């Protein structure tokens, strides 16, 4: 099934990038999938590409240069119409209760998933995307 949304993975870990991309491609037939190695690259990609359709962001929290929380602060400064077309799913292996709470309370975050996550989580989330 073709998806109208564009997908970007914002993640510094190459193995997590590979696994997440593979799950999206093989399990949900999503292509292309864009990769940013940190929040700064993610913001730059969004500004450069200005997606016209909806945008799905899979965001890690702990990254160098610009972490997930800093990304969310920068995302808040983007144009409203772009923010309205975007869904952010945070993927993290953190066990820090305060970090998890902070993620779940962010108005731009649609859901928080603990790594590693299963294909069923992606299917349920993107079934109607």
N, C-alpha and C. Protein backbone atom coordinates (compact mmCIF):
# COMPACT_ATOMS: atom_id res chain seq x y z
N UNK A 1 0.84 -1.17 0.00
CA UNK A 1 0.00 0.00 0.00
C UNK A 1 0.89 1.24 0.00
N UNK A 2 0.72 2.14 -0.98
CA UNK A 2 1.54 3.36 -1.00
C UNK A 2 1.09 4.35 0.07
N UNK A 3 2.05 5.01 0.67
CA UNK A 3 1.77 6.01 1.69
C UNK A 3 1.96 7.39 1.09
N UNK A 4 1.07 8.30 1.43
CA UNK A 4 1.18 9.67 0.93
C UNK A 4 2.15 10.48 1.78
N UNK A 5 2.38 10.06 2.98
CA UNK A 5 3.28 10.78 3.88
C UNK A 5 4.73 10.56 3.50
N UNK A 6 5.56 11.55 3.84
CA UNK A 6 7.01 11.38 3.74
C UNK A 6 7.49 10.96 5.13
N UNK A 7 8.52 10.12 5.15
CA UNK A 7 9.05 9.60 6.40
C UNK A 7 10.51 10.00 6.56
N UNK A 8 10.85 10.48 7.76
CA UNK A 8 12.25 10.76 8.08
C UNK A 8 12.56 10.16 9.44
N UNK A 9 13.69 9.47 9.51
CA UNK A 9 14.20 8.91 10.75
C UNK A 9 15.31 9.84 11.23
N UNK A 10 15.15 10.37 12.43
CA UNK A 10 16.17 11.24 13.02
C UNK A 10 16.80 10.44 14.16
N UNK A 11 17.97 9.88 13.88
CA UNK A 11 18.59 8.88 14.75
C UNK A 11 20.09 8.85 14.47
N UNK A 12 20.90 8.85 15.51
CA UNK A 12 22.36 8.84 15.32
C UNK A 12 22.95 7.44 15.24
N UNK A 13 22.27 6.45 15.76
CA UNK A 13 22.80 5.10 15.81
C UNK A 13 22.55 4.39 14.48
N UNK A 14 23.64 3.98 13.80
CA UNK A 14 23.53 3.38 12.48
C UNK A 14 22.74 2.08 12.49
N UNK A 15 22.87 1.30 13.53
CA UNK A 15 22.13 0.04 13.62
C UNK A 15 20.64 0.31 13.77
N UNK A 16 20.28 1.27 14.63
CA UNK A 16 18.87 1.63 14.79
C UNK A 16 18.31 2.22 13.50
N UNK A 17 19.11 3.02 12.80
CA UNK A 17 18.67 3.55 11.50
C UNK A 17 18.34 2.40 10.55
N UNK A 18 19.27 1.45 10.47
CA UNK A 18 19.12 0.32 9.56
C UNK A 18 17.87 -0.51 9.90
N UNK A 19 17.71 -0.85 11.17
CA UNK A 19 16.58 -1.69 11.60
C UNK A 19 15.25 -0.97 11.36
N UNK A 20 15.17 0.29 11.73
CA UNK A 20 13.92 1.04 11.56
C UNK A 20 13.58 1.20 10.08
N UNK A 21 14.57 1.53 9.28
CA UNK A 21 14.35 1.68 7.85
C UNK A 21 13.90 0.35 7.23
N UNK A 22 14.53 -0.72 7.63
CA UNK A 22 14.18 -2.05 7.11
C UNK A 22 12.74 -2.42 7.49
N UNK A 23 12.35 -2.14 8.74
CA UNK A 23 10.97 -2.42 9.16
C UNK A 23 9.97 -1.63 8.34
N UNK A 24 10.26 -0.36 8.10
CA UNK A 24 9.35 0.47 7.32
C UNK A 24 9.26 0.01 5.87
N UNK A 25 10.41 -0.34 5.29
CA UNK A 25 10.43 -0.75 3.88
C UNK A 25 9.82 -2.13 3.68
N UNK A 26 10.31 -3.09 4.43
CA UNK A 26 9.88 -4.48 4.23
C UNK A 26 8.50 -4.75 4.83
N UNK A 27 8.26 -4.19 6.01
CA UNK A 27 7.00 -4.48 6.69
C UNK A 27 5.83 -3.66 6.22
N UNK A 28 6.09 -2.42 5.78
CA UNK A 28 5.00 -1.52 5.39
C UNK A 28 5.12 -0.99 3.97
N UNK A 29 6.17 -1.39 3.26
CA UNK A 29 6.38 -0.97 1.88
C UNK A 29 6.48 0.56 1.75
N UNK A 30 7.14 1.18 2.70
CA UNK A 30 7.34 2.63 2.67
C UNK A 30 8.67 2.93 2.00
N UNK A 31 8.60 3.81 0.99
CA UNK A 31 9.81 4.20 0.27
C UNK A 31 9.50 5.49 -0.48
N UNK A 32 10.34 6.49 -0.46
CA UNK A 32 11.65 6.54 0.20
C UNK A 32 11.50 6.87 1.68
N UNK A 33 12.57 6.61 2.40
CA UNK A 33 12.69 6.96 3.81
C UNK A 33 13.96 7.78 3.94
N UNK A 34 13.83 8.95 4.51
CA UNK A 34 14.98 9.85 4.67
C UNK A 34 15.61 9.64 6.04
N UNK A 35 16.91 9.90 6.12
CA UNK A 35 17.66 9.71 7.37
C UNK A 35 18.36 11.01 7.72
N UNK A 36 18.27 11.40 8.99
CA UNK A 36 19.06 12.50 9.55
C UNK A 36 19.78 11.93 10.76
N UNK A 37 21.05 12.27 10.92
CA UNK A 37 21.87 11.69 11.99
C UNK A 37 21.74 12.41 13.33
N UNK A 38 21.05 13.53 13.35
CA UNK A 38 20.82 14.28 14.60
C UNK A 38 19.71 15.29 14.36
N UNK A 39 19.29 15.95 15.41
CA UNK A 39 18.20 16.91 15.30
C UNK A 39 18.49 18.05 14.36
N UNK A 40 19.72 18.55 14.34
CA UNK A 40 20.09 19.65 13.45
C UNK A 40 19.91 19.25 11.99
N UNK A 41 20.40 18.04 11.64
CA UNK A 41 20.22 17.55 10.27
C UNK A 41 18.73 17.40 9.95
N UNK A 42 17.96 16.97 10.93
CA UNK A 42 16.51 16.81 10.73
C UNK A 42 15.82 18.13 10.45
N UNK A 43 16.12 19.16 11.24
CA UNK A 43 15.55 20.49 11.02
C UNK A 43 15.98 21.02 9.65
N UNK A 44 17.26 20.86 9.32
CA UNK A 44 17.75 21.33 8.02
C UNK A 44 17.05 20.62 6.88
N UNK A 45 16.82 19.31 7.00
CA UNK A 45 16.12 18.56 5.96
C UNK A 45 14.70 19.09 5.79
N UNK A 46 14.01 19.31 6.90
CA UNK A 46 12.63 19.82 6.84
C UNK A 46 12.59 21.19 6.17
N UNK A 47 13.50 22.08 6.56
CA UNK A 47 13.53 23.42 5.98
C UNK A 47 13.87 23.39 4.49
N UNK A 48 14.78 22.51 4.11
CA UNK A 48 15.20 22.41 2.71
C UNK A 48 14.10 21.81 1.83
N UNK A 49 13.42 20.78 2.35
CA UNK A 49 12.46 20.04 1.53
C UNK A 49 11.02 20.54 1.65
N UNK A 50 10.70 21.24 2.74
CA UNK A 50 9.34 21.77 2.94
C UNK A 50 8.27 20.80 2.42
N UNK A 51 8.13 19.62 3.06
CA UNK A 51 7.19 18.62 2.56
C UNK A 51 5.78 19.20 2.40
N UNK A 52 5.17 18.92 1.24
CA UNK A 52 3.82 19.41 0.96
C UNK A 52 2.76 18.45 1.49
N UNK A 53 3.06 17.16 1.49
CA UNK A 53 2.16 16.18 2.08
C UNK A 53 2.46 16.08 3.57
N UNK A 54 1.81 15.16 4.22
CA UNK A 54 2.09 14.97 5.64
C UNK A 54 3.50 14.39 5.82
N UNK A 55 4.06 14.67 6.97
CA UNK A 55 5.41 14.23 7.31
C UNK A 55 5.36 13.42 8.58
N UNK A 56 5.97 12.26 8.57
CA UNK A 56 6.10 11.40 9.75
C UNK A 56 7.56 11.44 10.17
N UNK A 57 7.80 11.82 11.42
CA UNK A 57 9.15 11.88 11.97
C UNK A 57 9.28 10.80 13.04
N UNK A 58 10.30 9.96 12.90
CA UNK A 58 10.66 9.00 13.93
C UNK A 58 11.91 9.56 14.59
N UNK A 59 11.79 10.00 15.83
CA UNK A 59 12.79 10.81 16.50
C UNK A 59 13.41 10.10 17.70
N UNK A 60 14.73 10.03 17.70
CA UNK A 60 15.47 9.54 18.87
C UNK A 60 15.64 10.71 19.84
N UNK A 61 15.92 10.42 21.09
CA UNK A 61 16.13 11.47 22.10
C UNK A 61 17.61 11.77 22.28
N UNK A 62 18.40 10.75 22.58
CA UNK A 62 19.82 10.96 22.88
C UNK A 62 20.65 10.94 21.60
N UNK A 63 21.07 12.14 21.16
CA UNK A 63 21.90 12.27 19.97
C UNK A 63 22.89 13.40 20.18
N UNK A 64 24.03 13.34 19.50
CA UNK A 64 24.98 14.46 19.57
C UNK A 64 24.49 15.64 18.72
N UNK A 65 25.14 16.75 18.87
CA UNK A 65 24.90 17.99 18.12
C UNK A 65 23.56 18.62 18.50
N UNK A 66 22.44 17.96 18.23
CA UNK A 66 21.13 18.42 18.68
C UNK A 66 20.31 17.20 19.05
N UNK A 67 19.95 17.08 20.34
CA UNK A 67 19.19 15.91 20.79
C UNK A 67 17.70 16.08 20.45
N UNK A 68 16.92 15.09 20.80
CA UNK A 68 15.50 15.10 20.48
C UNK A 68 14.74 16.24 21.13
N UNK A 69 15.06 16.57 22.37
CA UNK A 69 14.38 17.67 23.05
C UNK A 69 14.71 19.01 22.39
N UNK A 70 15.97 19.19 22.02
CA UNK A 70 16.37 20.42 21.33
C UNK A 70 15.69 20.49 19.95
N UNK A 71 15.57 19.34 19.29
CA UNK A 71 14.85 19.29 18.02
C UNK A 71 13.42 19.78 18.20
N UNK A 72 12.74 19.29 19.24
CA UNK A 72 11.35 19.67 19.48
C UNK A 72 11.23 21.17 19.74
N UNK A 73 12.21 21.76 20.41
CA UNK A 73 12.21 23.21 20.63
C UNK A 73 12.34 23.95 19.29
N UNK A 74 13.24 23.49 18.43
CA UNK A 74 13.41 24.11 17.11
C UNK A 74 12.17 23.87 16.23
N UNK A 75 11.60 22.69 16.33
CA UNK A 75 10.40 22.36 15.56
C UNK A 75 9.28 23.33 15.89
N UNK A 76 9.19 23.75 17.13
CA UNK A 76 8.16 24.68 17.58
C UNK A 76 8.24 26.01 16.82
N UNK A 77 9.41 26.36 16.30
CA UNK A 77 9.62 27.62 15.58
C UNK A 77 9.28 27.53 14.09
N UNK A 78 8.97 26.33 13.60
CA UNK A 78 8.65 26.15 12.18
C UNK A 78 7.26 26.72 11.88
N UNK A 79 6.97 26.96 10.60
CA UNK A 79 5.65 27.48 10.21
C UNK A 79 4.51 26.57 10.68
N UNK A 80 3.42 27.19 11.10
CA UNK A 80 2.28 26.44 11.64
C UNK A 80 1.73 25.40 10.67
N UNK A 81 1.62 25.75 9.38
CA UNK A 81 1.05 24.80 8.42
C UNK A 81 1.90 23.55 8.31
N UNK A 82 3.21 23.71 8.41
CA UNK A 82 4.11 22.56 8.37
C UNK A 82 3.94 21.70 9.63
N UNK A 83 3.84 22.34 10.78
CA UNK A 83 3.66 21.59 12.03
C UNK A 83 2.34 20.83 12.03
N UNK A 84 1.31 21.41 11.43
CA UNK A 84 0.00 20.76 11.39
C UNK A 84 0.01 19.50 10.52
N UNK A 85 0.91 19.45 9.55
CA UNK A 85 1.00 18.29 8.65
C UNK A 85 1.99 17.25 9.14
N UNK A 86 2.52 17.42 10.33
CA UNK A 86 3.60 16.55 10.83
C UNK A 86 3.16 15.77 12.06
N UNK A 87 3.54 14.50 12.08
CA UNK A 87 3.38 13.67 13.28
C UNK A 87 4.76 13.22 13.71
N UNK A 88 5.02 13.30 15.01
CA UNK A 88 6.32 12.90 15.55
C UNK A 88 6.12 11.72 16.50
N UNK A 89 6.89 10.68 16.24
CA UNK A 89 6.91 9.50 17.10
C UNK A 89 8.32 9.40 17.67
N UNK A 90 8.42 9.38 18.98
CA UNK A 90 9.73 9.31 19.62
C UNK A 90 10.07 7.85 19.87
N UNK A 91 11.28 7.47 19.44
CA UNK A 91 11.80 6.12 19.64
C UNK A 91 12.99 6.23 20.58
N UNK A 92 12.94 5.55 21.70
CA UNK A 92 14.04 5.69 22.65
C UNK A 92 14.20 4.44 23.49
N UNK A 93 15.42 4.23 23.93
CA UNK A 93 15.68 3.12 24.85
C UNK A 93 15.82 3.64 26.28
N UNK A 94 15.50 4.91 26.51
CA UNK A 94 15.64 5.50 27.83
C UNK A 94 14.72 4.82 28.85
N UNK A 95 15.22 4.73 30.05
CA UNK A 95 14.42 4.25 31.18
C UNK A 95 14.17 5.38 32.17
N UNK A 96 14.67 6.57 31.83
CA UNK A 96 14.54 7.75 32.68
C UNK A 96 13.09 8.23 32.69
N UNK A 97 12.43 8.09 33.83
CA UNK A 97 11.01 8.43 33.96
C UNK A 97 10.76 9.89 33.64
N UNK A 98 11.67 10.78 34.04
CA UNK A 98 11.49 12.20 33.75
C UNK A 98 11.56 12.48 32.25
N UNK A 99 12.48 11.83 31.55
CA UNK A 99 12.57 12.00 30.10
C UNK A 99 11.30 11.49 29.41
N UNK A 100 10.83 10.33 29.82
CA UNK A 100 9.63 9.75 29.24
C UNK A 100 8.43 10.67 29.47
N UNK A 101 8.32 11.20 30.67
CA UNK A 101 7.23 12.12 30.99
C UNK A 101 7.33 13.38 30.13
N UNK A 102 8.52 13.92 29.99
CA UNK A 102 8.74 15.12 29.18
C UNK A 102 8.34 14.87 27.72
N UNK A 103 8.69 13.71 27.20
CA UNK A 103 8.33 13.37 25.82
C UNK A 103 6.81 13.29 25.69
N UNK A 104 6.17 12.55 26.57
CA UNK A 104 4.73 12.34 26.47
C UNK A 104 3.93 13.62 26.66
N UNK A 105 4.50 14.59 27.36
CA UNK A 105 3.80 15.86 27.59
C UNK A 105 4.00 16.85 26.45
N UNK A 106 4.92 16.57 25.54
CA UNK A 106 5.18 17.50 24.44
C UNK A 106 4.00 17.47 23.46
N UNK A 107 3.49 18.64 23.12
CA UNK A 107 2.29 18.73 22.28
C UNK A 107 2.51 18.25 20.85
N UNK A 108 3.75 18.14 20.41
CA UNK A 108 4.03 17.70 19.04
C UNK A 108 4.24 16.20 18.93
N UNK A 109 4.41 15.53 20.04
CA UNK A 109 4.70 14.09 20.03
C UNK A 109 3.41 13.29 20.03
N UNK A 110 3.23 12.48 18.99
CA UNK A 110 2.03 11.64 18.88
C UNK A 110 2.11 10.41 19.77
N UNK A 111 3.34 9.84 19.90
CA UNK A 111 3.49 8.64 20.72
C UNK A 111 4.96 8.44 21.07
N UNK A 112 5.18 7.66 22.10
CA UNK A 112 6.52 7.29 22.56
C UNK A 112 6.64 5.79 22.46
N UNK A 113 7.69 5.32 21.77
CA UNK A 113 7.93 3.89 21.62
C UNK A 113 9.28 3.54 22.20
N UNK A 114 9.32 2.48 22.97
CA UNK A 114 10.58 1.99 23.53
C UNK A 114 11.27 1.10 22.51
N UNK A 115 12.56 1.34 22.33
CA UNK A 115 13.36 0.47 21.44
C UNK A 115 13.81 -0.75 22.22
N UNK A 116 13.88 -1.89 21.62
CA UNK A 116 13.43 -2.17 20.26
C UNK A 116 11.91 -2.29 20.22
N UNK A 117 11.31 -1.90 19.11
CA UNK A 117 9.86 -1.98 18.96
C UNK A 117 9.53 -2.99 17.87
N UNK A 118 8.28 -3.41 17.87
CA UNK A 118 7.84 -4.46 16.94
C UNK A 118 7.15 -3.85 15.72
N UNK A 119 7.11 -4.59 14.66
CA UNK A 119 6.47 -4.18 13.42
C UNK A 119 4.99 -3.85 13.65
N UNK A 120 4.34 -4.57 14.54
CA UNK A 120 2.92 -4.34 14.80
C UNK A 120 2.66 -2.91 15.29
N UNK A 121 3.60 -2.36 16.04
CA UNK A 121 3.45 -0.98 16.52
C UNK A 121 3.42 -0.03 15.33
N UNK A 122 4.32 -0.24 14.37
CA UNK A 122 4.34 0.61 13.17
C UNK A 122 3.07 0.43 12.36
N UNK A 123 2.64 -0.80 12.17
CA UNK A 123 1.42 -1.05 11.39
C UNK A 123 0.22 -0.36 12.03
N UNK A 124 0.09 -0.47 13.33
CA UNK A 124 -1.03 0.18 14.01
C UNK A 124 -0.97 1.68 13.90
N UNK A 125 0.21 2.25 13.99
CA UNK A 125 0.37 3.70 13.95
C UNK A 125 0.12 4.25 12.56
N UNK A 126 0.57 3.56 11.53
CA UNK A 126 0.54 4.09 10.19
C UNK A 126 -0.54 3.49 9.29
N UNK A 127 -1.42 2.73 9.88
CA UNK A 127 -2.48 2.10 9.11
C UNK A 127 -3.34 3.12 8.35
N UNK A 128 -3.56 4.28 8.98
CA UNK A 128 -4.41 5.29 8.37
C UNK A 128 -3.63 6.48 7.86
N UNK A 129 -2.31 6.42 7.86
CA UNK A 129 -1.49 7.57 7.41
C UNK A 129 -1.61 7.73 5.92
